PDB file of all heavy atoms in Angstrom:
ATOM      1  N   PHE A   1     -21.874 -15.852  -3.846  1.00  0.00           N
ATOM      2  CA  PHE A   1     -22.644 -14.825  -4.489  1.00  0.00           C
ATOM      3  C   PHE A   1     -22.921 -15.162  -5.990  1.00  0.00           C
ATOM      4  O   PHE A   1     -24.089 -15.067  -6.515  1.00  0.00           O
ATOM      5  CB  PHE A   1     -21.814 -13.534  -4.535  1.00  0.00           C
ATOM      6  CG  PHE A   1     -22.549 -12.413  -5.198  1.00  0.00           C
ATOM      7  CD1 PHE A   1     -23.544 -11.684  -4.615  1.00  0.00           C
ATOM      8  CD2 PHE A   1     -22.027 -11.962  -6.437  1.00  0.00           C
ATOM      9  CE1 PHE A   1     -24.144 -10.619  -5.408  1.00  0.00           C
ATOM     10  CE2 PHE A   1     -22.580 -10.940  -7.256  1.00  0.00           C
ATOM     11  CZ  PHE A   1     -23.708 -10.290  -6.646  1.00  0.00           C
ATOM     12  N   LEU A   2     -21.828 -15.760  -6.711  1.00  0.00           N
ATOM     13  CA  LEU A   2     -22.135 -16.125  -8.102  1.00  0.00           C
ATOM     14  C   LEU A   2     -23.106 -17.230  -8.244  1.00  0.00           C
ATOM     15  O   LEU A   2     -23.959 -17.297  -9.190  1.00  0.00           O
ATOM     16  CB  LEU A   2     -20.750 -16.393  -8.684  1.00  0.00           C
ATOM     17  CG  LEU A   2     -19.747 -15.246  -8.812  1.00  0.00           C
ATOM     18  CD1 LEU A   2     -18.457 -15.779  -9.400  1.00  0.00           C
ATOM     19  CD2 LEU A   2     -20.357 -14.112  -9.710  1.00  0.00           C
ATOM     20  N   ARG A   3     -22.964 -18.241  -7.277  1.00  0.00           N
ATOM     21  CA  ARG A   3     -23.880 -19.296  -7.237  1.00  0.00           C
ATOM     22  C   ARG A   3     -25.316 -18.923  -7.062  1.00  0.00           C
ATOM     23  O   ARG A   3     -26.253 -19.467  -7.646  1.00  0.00           O
ATOM     24  CB  ARG A   3     -23.456 -20.439  -6.272  1.00  0.00           C
ATOM     25  CG  ARG A   3     -22.151 -21.152  -6.670  1.00  0.00           C
ATOM     26  CD  ARG A   3     -22.072 -22.470  -5.989  1.00  0.00           C
ATOM     27  NE  ARG A   3     -23.160 -23.360  -6.340  1.00  0.00           N
ATOM     28  CZ  ARG A   3     -23.349 -24.484  -5.753  1.00  0.00           C
ATOM     29  NH1 ARG A   3     -22.603 -24.905  -4.720  1.00  0.00           N
ATOM     30  NH2 ARG A   3     -24.257 -25.228  -6.172  1.00  0.00           N
ATOM     31  N   ASN A   4     -25.502 -17.959  -6.098  1.00  0.00           N
ATOM     32  CA  ASN A   4     -26.866 -17.497  -5.863  1.00  0.00           C
ATOM     33  C   ASN A   4     -27.459 -16.773  -7.017  1.00  0.00           C
ATOM     34  O   ASN A   4     -28.713 -16.564  -7.073  1.00  0.00           O
ATOM     35  CB  ASN A   4     -26.871 -16.517  -4.653  1.00  0.00           C
ATOM     36  CG  ASN A   4     -26.495 -17.259  -3.385  1.00  0.00           C
ATOM     37  OD1 ASN A   4     -26.751 -18.555  -3.189  1.00  0.00           O
ATOM     38  ND2 ASN A   4     -25.960 -16.627  -2.410  1.00  0.00           N
ATOM     39  N   ARG A   5     -26.597 -16.315  -8.026  1.00  0.00           N
ATOM     40  CA  ARG A   5     -27.082 -15.683  -9.237  1.00  0.00           C
ATOM     41  C   ARG A   5     -27.399 -16.677 -10.367  1.00  0.00           C
ATOM     42  O   ARG A   5     -27.642 -16.165 -11.411  1.00  0.00           O
ATOM     43  CB  ARG A   5     -26.086 -14.459  -9.606  1.00  0.00           C
ATOM     44  CG  ARG A   5     -25.927 -13.419  -8.723  1.00  0.00           C
ATOM     45  CD  ARG A   5     -27.290 -12.666  -8.479  1.00  0.00           C
ATOM     46  NE  ARG A   5     -27.217 -11.579  -7.632  1.00  0.00           N
ATOM     47  CZ  ARG A   5     -27.301 -11.594  -6.256  1.00  0.00           C
ATOM     48  NH1 ARG A   5     -27.620 -12.822  -5.719  1.00  0.00           N
ATOM     49  NH2 ARG A   5     -27.256 -10.528  -5.486  1.00  0.00           N
ATOM     50  N   GLY A   6     -27.186 -17.949 -10.079  1.00  0.00           N
ATOM     51  CA  GLY A   6     -27.532 -18.891 -11.066  1.00  0.00           C
ATOM     52  C   GLY A   6     -26.418 -19.526 -11.720  1.00  0.00           C
ATOM     53  O   GLY A   6     -26.665 -20.432 -12.635  1.00  0.00           O
ATOM     54  N   LEU A   7     -25.100 -19.198 -11.482  1.00  0.00           N
ATOM     55  CA  LEU A   7     -24.051 -19.858 -12.125  1.00  0.00           C
ATOM     56  C   LEU A   7     -23.734 -21.212 -11.588  1.00  0.00           C
ATOM     57  O   LEU A   7     -23.896 -21.386 -10.397  1.00  0.00           O
ATOM     58  CB  LEU A   7     -22.726 -18.966 -11.926  1.00  0.00           C
ATOM     59  CG  LEU A   7     -22.679 -17.686 -12.829  1.00  0.00           C
ATOM     60  CD1 LEU A   7     -21.319 -16.953 -12.524  1.00  0.00           C
ATOM     61  CD2 LEU A   7     -22.634 -18.086 -14.345  1.00  0.00           C
ATOM     62  N   PRO A   8     -23.349 -22.135 -12.462  1.00  0.00           N
ATOM     63  CA  PRO A   8     -22.899 -23.523 -11.894  1.00  0.00           C
ATOM     64  C   PRO A   8     -21.777 -23.271 -10.996  1.00  0.00           C
ATOM     65  O   PRO A   8     -20.940 -22.341 -10.962  1.00  0.00           O
ATOM     66  CB  PRO A   8     -22.573 -24.294 -13.171  1.00  0.00           C
ATOM     67  CG  PRO A   8     -23.347 -23.509 -14.249  1.00  0.00           C
ATOM     68  CD  PRO A   8     -23.299 -22.061 -13.886  1.00  0.00           C
ATOM     69  N   ASN A   9     -21.483 -24.442 -10.185  1.00  0.00           N
ATOM     70  CA  ASN A   9     -20.448 -24.354  -9.296  1.00  0.00           C
ATOM     71  C   ASN A   9     -19.109 -24.190  -9.879  1.00  0.00           C
ATOM     72  O   ASN A   9     -18.267 -23.430  -9.467  1.00  0.00           O
ATOM     73  CB  ASN A   9     -20.469 -25.625  -8.381  1.00  0.00           C
ATOM     74  CG  ASN A   9     -19.569 -25.630  -7.207  1.00  0.00           C
ATOM     75  OD1 ASN A   9     -19.181 -24.549  -6.733  1.00  0.00           O
ATOM     76  ND2 ASN A   9     -19.015 -26.776  -6.784  1.00  0.00           N
ATOM     77  N   LEU A  10     -18.839 -25.002 -10.931  1.00  0.00           N
ATOM     78  CA  LEU A  10     -17.609 -24.960 -11.580  1.00  0.00           C
ATOM     79  C   LEU A  10     -17.380 -23.620 -12.188  1.00  0.00           C
ATOM     80  O   LEU A  10     -16.247 -23.066 -12.121  1.00  0.00           O
ATOM     81  CB  LEU A  10     -17.492 -26.073 -12.705  1.00  0.00           C
ATOM     82  CG  LEU A  10     -16.238 -26.147 -13.459  1.00  0.00           C
ATOM     83  CD1 LEU A  10     -15.023 -26.485 -12.598  1.00  0.00           C
ATOM     84  CD2 LEU A  10     -16.312 -27.174 -14.643  1.00  0.00           C
ATOM     85  N   ALA A  11     -18.325 -23.064 -12.918  1.00  0.00           N
ATOM     86  CA  ALA A  11     -18.126 -21.674 -13.519  1.00  0.00           C
ATOM     87  C   ALA A  11     -17.918 -20.574 -12.426  1.00  0.00           C
ATOM     88  O   ALA A  11     -17.075 -19.749 -12.615  1.00  0.00           O
ATOM     89  CB  ALA A  11     -19.364 -21.347 -14.328  1.00  0.00           C
ATOM     90  N   ALA A  12     -18.548 -20.689 -11.344  1.00  0.00           N
ATOM     91  CA  ALA A  12     -18.478 -19.665 -10.368  1.00  0.00           C
ATOM     92  C   ALA A  12     -17.065 -19.785  -9.591  1.00  0.00           C
ATOM     93  O   ALA A  12     -16.378 -18.771  -9.478  1.00  0.00           O
ATOM     94  CB  ALA A  12     -19.497 -19.884  -9.169  1.00  0.00           C
ATOM     95  N   VAL A  13     -16.586 -20.978  -9.476  1.00  0.00           N
ATOM     96  CA  VAL A  13     -15.237 -21.199  -8.884  1.00  0.00           C
ATOM     97  C   VAL A  13     -14.156 -20.718  -9.858  1.00  0.00           C
ATOM     98  O   VAL A  13     -13.169 -19.854  -9.408  1.00  0.00           O
ATOM     99  CB  VAL A  13     -14.981 -22.645  -8.494  1.00  0.00           C
ATOM    100  CG1 VAL A  13     -13.571 -22.907  -8.050  1.00  0.00           C
ATOM    101  CG2 VAL A  13     -15.968 -23.007  -7.276  1.00  0.00           C
ATOM    102  N   LEU A  14     -14.240 -21.164 -11.100  1.00  0.00           N
ATOM    103  CA  LEU A  14     -13.217 -20.791 -12.095  1.00  0.00           C
ATOM    104  C   LEU A  14     -13.256 -19.303 -12.313  1.00  0.00           C
ATOM    105  O   LEU A  14     -12.197 -18.607 -12.476  1.00  0.00           O
ATOM    106  CB  LEU A  14     -13.434 -21.510 -13.370  1.00  0.00           C
ATOM    107  CG  LEU A  14     -13.068 -23.104 -13.307  1.00  0.00           C
ATOM    108  CD1 LEU A  14     -13.377 -23.677 -14.640  1.00  0.00           C
ATOM    109  CD2 LEU A  14     -11.783 -23.333 -12.863  1.00  0.00           C
ATOM    110  N   GLY A  15     -14.439 -18.689 -12.373  1.00  0.00           N
ATOM    111  CA  GLY A  15     -14.538 -17.256 -12.593  1.00  0.00           C
ATOM    112  C   GLY A  15     -13.835 -16.442 -11.447  1.00  0.00           C
ATOM    113  O   GLY A  15     -13.120 -15.527 -11.636  1.00  0.00           O
ATOM    114  N   ALA A  16     -14.196 -16.858 -10.167  1.00  0.00           N
ATOM    115  CA  ALA A  16     -13.599 -16.082  -9.011  1.00  0.00           C
ATOM    116  C   ALA A  16     -12.139 -16.224  -9.022  1.00  0.00           C
ATOM    117  O   ALA A  16     -11.422 -15.343  -8.751  1.00  0.00           O
ATOM    118  CB  ALA A  16     -14.308 -16.636  -7.799  1.00  0.00           C
ATOM    119  N   VAL A  17     -11.658 -17.471  -9.172  1.00  0.00           N
ATOM    120  CA  VAL A  17     -10.216 -17.758  -9.066  1.00  0.00           C
ATOM    121  C   VAL A  17      -9.405 -17.050 -10.196  1.00  0.00           C
ATOM    122  O   VAL A  17      -8.446 -16.496  -9.971  1.00  0.00           O
ATOM    123  CB  VAL A  17      -9.890 -19.317  -9.102  1.00  0.00           C
ATOM    124  CG1 VAL A  17      -8.461 -19.574  -9.195  1.00  0.00           C
ATOM    125  CG2 VAL A  17     -10.547 -19.930  -7.875  1.00  0.00           C
ATOM    126  N   THR A  18      -9.992 -17.056 -11.347  1.00  0.00           N
ATOM    127  CA  THR A  18      -9.353 -16.421 -12.468  1.00  0.00           C
ATOM    128  C   THR A  18      -9.196 -14.938 -12.289  1.00  0.00           C
ATOM    129  O   THR A  18      -8.123 -14.360 -12.464  1.00  0.00           O
ATOM    130  CB  THR A  18     -10.137 -16.671 -13.793  1.00  0.00           C
ATOM    131  OG1 THR A  18     -10.174 -18.089 -14.077  1.00  0.00           O
ATOM    132  CG2 THR A  18      -9.481 -15.979 -15.012  1.00  0.00           C
ATOM    133  N   VAL A  19     -10.298 -14.315 -11.803  1.00  0.00           N
ATOM    134  CA  VAL A  19     -10.182 -12.854 -11.675  1.00  0.00           C
ATOM    135  C   VAL A  19      -9.219 -12.520 -10.512  1.00  0.00           C
ATOM    136  O   VAL A  19      -8.457 -11.562 -10.557  1.00  0.00           O
ATOM    137  CB  VAL A  19     -11.641 -12.233 -11.246  1.00  0.00           C
ATOM    138  CG1 VAL A  19     -11.566 -10.833 -10.871  1.00  0.00           C
ATOM    139  CG2 VAL A  19     -12.540 -12.437 -12.509  1.00  0.00           C
ATOM    140  N   ALA A  20      -9.254 -13.398  -9.425  1.00  0.00           N
ATOM    141  CA  ALA A  20      -8.353 -13.056  -8.315  1.00  0.00           C
ATOM    142  C   ALA A  20      -6.977 -13.217  -8.720  1.00  0.00           C
ATOM    143  O   ALA A  20      -6.123 -12.227  -8.447  1.00  0.00           O
ATOM    144  CB  ALA A  20      -8.719 -13.986  -7.087  1.00  0.00           C
ATOM    145  N   PHE A  21      -6.596 -14.240  -9.388  1.00  0.00           N
ATOM    146  CA  PHE A  21      -5.132 -14.472  -9.619  1.00  0.00           C
ATOM    147  C   PHE A  21      -4.661 -13.688 -10.819  1.00  0.00           C
ATOM    148  O   PHE A  21      -3.408 -13.361 -10.935  1.00  0.00           O
ATOM    149  CB  PHE A  21      -4.874 -16.017  -9.873  1.00  0.00           C
ATOM    150  CG  PHE A  21      -4.874 -16.772  -8.569  1.00  0.00           C
ATOM    151  CD1 PHE A  21      -5.905 -17.514  -8.085  1.00  0.00           C
ATOM    152  CD2 PHE A  21      -3.665 -16.818  -7.769  1.00  0.00           C
ATOM    153  CE1 PHE A  21      -5.865 -18.216  -6.900  1.00  0.00           C
ATOM    154  CE2 PHE A  21      -3.556 -17.424  -6.635  1.00  0.00           C
ATOM    155  CZ  PHE A  21      -4.674 -18.206  -6.124  1.00  0.00           C
ATOM    156  N   VAL A  22      -5.511 -13.353 -11.677  1.00  0.00           N
ATOM    157  CA  VAL A  22      -5.157 -12.337 -12.680  1.00  0.00           C
ATOM    158  C   VAL A  22      -4.849 -10.966 -12.168  1.00  0.00           C
ATOM    159  O   VAL A  22      -3.823 -10.390 -12.519  1.00  0.00           O
ATOM    160  CB  VAL A  22      -6.266 -12.234 -13.837  1.00  0.00           C
ATOM    161  CG1 VAL A  22      -5.967 -11.033 -14.728  1.00  0.00           C
ATOM    162  CG2 VAL A  22      -6.207 -13.553 -14.668  1.00  0.00           C
ATOM    163  N   ALA A  23      -5.583 -10.568 -11.225  1.00  0.00           N
ATOM    164  CA  ALA A  23      -5.403  -9.356 -10.536  1.00  0.00           C
ATOM    165  C   ALA A  23      -4.010  -9.339  -9.754  1.00  0.00           C
ATOM    166  O   ALA A  23      -3.290  -8.360  -9.754  1.00  0.00           O
ATOM    167  CB  ALA A  23      -6.559  -9.001  -9.593  1.00  0.00           C
ATOM    168  N   ILE A  24      -3.864 -10.543  -9.056  1.00  0.00           N
ATOM    169  CA  ILE A  24      -2.533 -10.594  -8.419  1.00  0.00           C
ATOM    170  C   ILE A  24      -1.377 -10.728  -9.332  1.00  0.00           C
ATOM    171  O   ILE A  24      -0.365 -10.047  -9.149  1.00  0.00           O
ATOM    172  CB  ILE A  24      -2.567 -11.943  -7.554  1.00  0.00           C
ATOM    173  CG1 ILE A  24      -3.574 -11.769  -6.408  1.00  0.00           C
ATOM    174  CG2 ILE A  24      -1.143 -12.209  -6.932  1.00  0.00           C
ATOM    175  CD1 ILE A  24      -3.709 -13.141  -5.612  1.00  0.00           C
ATOM    176  N   GLY A  25      -1.587 -11.281 -10.479  1.00  0.00           N
ATOM    177  CA  GLY A  25      -0.435 -11.388 -11.529  1.00  0.00           C
ATOM    178  C   GLY A  25      -0.158  -9.987 -12.056  1.00  0.00           C
ATOM    179  O   GLY A  25       1.005  -9.578 -12.203  1.00  0.00           O
ATOM    180  N   LEU A  26      -1.187  -9.172 -12.393  1.00  0.00           N
ATOM    181  CA  LEU A  26      -1.001  -7.848 -12.926  1.00  0.00           C
ATOM    182  C   LEU A  26      -0.389  -6.933 -11.939  1.00  0.00           C
ATOM    183  O   LEU A  26       0.551  -6.182 -12.149  1.00  0.00           O
ATOM    184  CB  LEU A  26      -2.359  -7.295 -13.363  1.00  0.00           C
ATOM    185  CG  LEU A  26      -3.022  -7.848 -14.529  1.00  0.00           C
ATOM    186  CD1 LEU A  26      -4.342  -7.263 -14.823  1.00  0.00           C
ATOM    187  CD2 LEU A  26      -2.141  -7.756 -15.801  1.00  0.00           C
ATOM    188  N   PHE A  27      -0.747  -7.138 -10.607  1.00  0.00           N
ATOM    189  CA  PHE A  27      -0.160  -6.386  -9.564  1.00  0.00           C
ATOM    190  C   PHE A  27       1.364  -6.673  -9.503  1.00  0.00           C
ATOM    191  O   PHE A  27       2.150  -5.751  -9.345  1.00  0.00           O
ATOM    192  CB  PHE A  27      -0.780  -6.690  -8.205  1.00  0.00           C
ATOM    193  CG  PHE A  27      -0.385  -6.080  -6.992  1.00  0.00           C
ATOM    194  CD1 PHE A  27      -0.828  -4.908  -6.614  1.00  0.00           C
ATOM    195  CD2 PHE A  27       0.634  -6.618  -6.297  1.00  0.00           C
ATOM    196  CE1 PHE A  27      -0.280  -4.177  -5.510  1.00  0.00           C
ATOM    197  CE2 PHE A  27       1.199  -5.956  -5.190  1.00  0.00           C
ATOM    198  CZ  PHE A  27       0.641  -4.763  -4.837  1.00  0.00           C
ATOM    199  N   MET A  28       1.700  -7.947  -9.603  1.00  0.00           N
ATOM    200  CA  MET A  28       3.081  -8.265  -9.454  1.00  0.00           C
ATOM    201  C   MET A  28       3.977  -7.826 -10.707  1.00  0.00           C
ATOM    202  O   MET A  28       5.044  -7.276 -10.565  1.00  0.00           O
ATOM    203  CB  MET A  28       3.315  -9.809  -9.435  1.00  0.00           C
ATOM    204  CG  MET A  28       2.713 -10.429  -8.156  1.00  0.00           C
ATOM    205  SD  MET A  28       3.371  -9.799  -6.634  1.00  0.00           S
ATOM    206  CE  MET A  28       5.136 -10.307  -6.869  1.00  0.00           C
ATOM    207  N   LEU A  29       3.353  -7.765 -11.861  1.00  0.00           N
ATOM    208  CA  LEU A  29       4.080  -7.288 -13.033  1.00  0.00           C
ATOM    209  C   LEU A  29       4.302  -5.840 -12.976  1.00  0.00           C
ATOM    210  O   LEU A  29       5.356  -5.276 -13.276  1.00  0.00           O
ATOM    211  CB  LEU A  29       3.169  -7.533 -14.349  1.00  0.00           C
ATOM    212  CG  LEU A  29       3.162  -8.982 -14.744  1.00  0.00           C
ATOM    213  CD1 LEU A  29       2.204  -9.159 -15.993  1.00  0.00           C
ATOM    214  CD2 LEU A  29       4.496  -9.589 -15.125  1.00  0.00           C
ATOM    215  N   VAL A  30       3.344  -5.082 -12.444  1.00  0.00           N
ATOM    216  CA  VAL A  30       3.516  -3.649 -12.199  1.00  0.00           C
ATOM    217  C   VAL A  30       4.638  -3.386 -11.242  1.00  0.00           C
ATOM    218  O   VAL A  30       5.426  -2.414 -11.378  1.00  0.00           O
ATOM    219  CB  VAL A  30       2.174  -2.888 -11.844  1.00  0.00           C
ATOM    220  CG1 VAL A  30       2.419  -1.377 -11.548  1.00  0.00           C
ATOM    221  CG2 VAL A  30       1.217  -3.075 -12.900  1.00  0.00           C
ATOM    222  N   VAL A  31       4.571  -4.089 -10.135  1.00  0.00           N
ATOM    223  CA  VAL A  31       5.574  -3.988  -9.155  1.00  0.00           C
ATOM    224  C   VAL A  31       6.979  -4.259  -9.596  1.00  0.00           C
ATOM    225  O   VAL A  31       7.960  -3.497  -9.432  1.00  0.00           O
ATOM    226  CB  VAL A  31       5.286  -4.806  -7.892  1.00  0.00           C
ATOM    227  CG1 VAL A  31       6.435  -4.877  -6.988  1.00  0.00           C
ATOM    228  CG2 VAL A  31       4.059  -4.361  -7.232  1.00  0.00           C
ATOM    229  N   VAL A  32       7.131  -5.282 -10.356  1.00  0.00           N
ATOM    230  CA  VAL A  32       8.403  -5.654 -10.962  1.00  0.00           C
ATOM    231  C   VAL A  32       8.866  -4.567 -11.935  1.00  0.00           C
ATOM    232  O   VAL A  32      10.128  -4.157 -11.869  1.00  0.00           O
ATOM    233  CB  VAL A  32       8.350  -7.030 -11.719  1.00  0.00           C
ATOM    234  CG1 VAL A  32       9.656  -7.261 -12.464  1.00  0.00           C
ATOM    235  CG2 VAL A  32       8.146  -8.147 -10.671  1.00  0.00           C
ATOM    236  N   ALA A  33       8.097  -4.093 -12.749  1.00  0.00           N
ATOM    237  CA  ALA A  33       8.465  -2.984 -13.710  1.00  0.00           C
ATOM    238  C   ALA A  33       8.850  -1.783 -12.970  1.00  0.00           C
ATOM    239  O   ALA A  33       9.857  -1.049 -13.318  1.00  0.00           O
ATOM    240  CB  ALA A  33       7.248  -2.604 -14.596  1.00  0.00           C
ATOM    241  N   GLN A  34       8.023  -1.293 -11.901  1.00  0.00           N
ATOM    242  CA  GLN A  34       8.409  -0.262 -11.114  1.00  0.00           C
ATOM    243  C   GLN A  34       9.857  -0.289 -10.399  1.00  0.00           C
ATOM    244  O   GLN A  34      10.550   0.539 -10.343  1.00  0.00           O
ATOM    245  CB  GLN A  34       7.360   0.047 -10.112  1.00  0.00           C
ATOM    246  CG  GLN A  34       6.021   0.557 -10.861  1.00  0.00           C
ATOM    247  CD  GLN A  34       6.173   1.999 -11.257  1.00  0.00           C
ATOM    248  OE1 GLN A  34       6.731   2.852 -10.760  1.00  0.00           O
ATOM    249  NE2 GLN A  34       5.645   2.222 -12.505  1.00  0.00           N
ATOM    250  N   VAL A  35      10.027  -1.640  -9.857  1.00  0.00           N
ATOM    251  CA  VAL A  35      11.327  -1.854  -9.277  1.00  0.00           C
ATOM    252  C   VAL A  35      12.479  -1.698 -10.205  1.00  0.00           C
ATOM    253  O   VAL A  35      13.501  -1.148  -9.841  1.00  0.00           O
ATOM    254  CB  VAL A  35      11.285  -3.209  -8.541  1.00  0.00           C
ATOM    255  CG1 VAL A  35      12.681  -3.650  -8.127  1.00  0.00           C
ATOM    256  CG2 VAL A  35      10.323  -3.204  -7.404  1.00  0.00           C
ATOM    257  N   GLY A  36      12.310  -2.163 -11.508  1.00  0.00           N
ATOM    258  CA  GLY A  36      13.325  -2.010 -12.539  1.00  0.00           C
ATOM    259  C   GLY A  36      13.677  -0.605 -12.733  1.00  0.00           C
ATOM    260  O   GLY A  36      14.813  -0.229 -12.884  1.00  0.00           O
ATOM    261  N   THR A  37      12.554   0.207 -12.907  1.00  0.00           N
ATOM    262  CA  THR A  37      12.690   1.606 -13.194  1.00  0.00           C
ATOM    263  C   THR A  37      13.435   2.316 -11.964  1.00  0.00           C
ATOM    264  O   THR A  37      14.404   3.174 -12.202  1.00  0.00           O
ATOM    265  CB  THR A  37      11.443   2.306 -13.373  1.00  0.00           C
ATOM    266  OG1 THR A  37      10.726   1.537 -14.496  1.00  0.00           O
ATOM    267  CG2 THR A  37      11.577   3.672 -13.710  1.00  0.00           C
ATOM    268  N   LEU A  38      13.117   1.914 -10.825  1.00  0.00           N
ATOM    269  CA  LEU A  38      13.738   2.526  -9.579  1.00  0.00           C
ATOM    270  C   LEU A  38      15.252   2.160  -9.580  1.00  0.00           C
ATOM    271  O   LEU A  38      16.138   3.038  -9.140  1.00  0.00           O
ATOM    272  CB  LEU A  38      13.146   2.061  -8.306  1.00  0.00           C
ATOM    273  CG  LEU A  38      13.621   2.511  -6.977  1.00  0.00           C
ATOM    274  CD1 LEU A  38      13.530   4.026  -6.900  1.00  0.00           C
ATOM    275  CD2 LEU A  38      12.879   1.870  -5.843  1.00  0.00           C
ATOM    276  N   ALA A  39      15.580   0.848  -9.823  1.00  0.00           N
ATOM    277  CA  ALA A  39      17.009   0.505  -9.854  1.00  0.00           C
ATOM    278  C   ALA A  39      17.860   1.253 -10.864  1.00  0.00           C
ATOM    279  O   ALA A  39      19.016   1.632 -10.704  1.00  0.00           O
ATOM    280  CB  ALA A  39      17.087  -1.064 -10.052  1.00  0.00           C
ATOM    281  N   ARG A  40      17.235   1.566 -11.989  1.00  0.00           N
ATOM    282  CA  ARG A  40      17.901   2.352 -13.052  1.00  0.00           C
ATOM    283  C   ARG A  40      18.104   3.813 -12.648  1.00  0.00           C
ATOM    284  O   ARG A  40      19.154   4.398 -13.025  1.00  0.00           O
ATOM    285  CB  ARG A  40      17.077   2.295 -14.340  1.00  0.00           C
ATOM    286  CG  ARG A  40      17.900   2.937 -15.578  1.00  0.00           C
ATOM    287  CD  ARG A  40      17.082   2.711 -16.864  1.00  0.00           C
ATOM    288  NE  ARG A  40      15.732   3.458 -16.722  1.00  0.00           N
ATOM    289  CZ  ARG A  40      14.665   2.874 -16.734  1.00  0.00           C
ATOM    290  NH1 ARG A  40      14.475   1.592 -16.619  1.00  0.00           N
ATOM    291  NH2 ARG A  40      13.473   3.667 -16.765  1.00  0.00           N
ATOM    292  N   ASP A  41      17.229   4.269 -11.864  1.00  0.00           N
ATOM    293  CA  ASP A  41      17.274   5.761 -11.623  1.00  0.00           C
ATOM    294  C   ASP A  41      18.074   6.080 -10.254  1.00  0.00           C
ATOM    295  O   ASP A  41      18.301   7.271  -9.987  1.00  0.00           O
ATOM    296  CB  ASP A  41      15.862   6.397 -11.460  1.00  0.00           C
ATOM    297  CG  ASP A  41      15.143   6.279 -12.750  1.00  0.00           C
ATOM    298  OD1 ASP A  41      15.783   6.228 -13.861  1.00  0.00           O
ATOM    299  OD2 ASP A  41      13.922   6.374 -12.808  1.00  0.00           O
TER     300      ASP A  41
END
C-alpha cells in the first residue's frame, strides 16, 4: 500500500516495521506495568 502511494521500497519497509514493532513494544510496556500493579494489590 505504501509503495503504491509513491514511497520508496526502503522507506515503506522501515515505516511499516517501525510502526508495527513500536506498537508491540508499547503494548508490552503497558502489560508489564499492569502486571506489577496487580502483584502489589
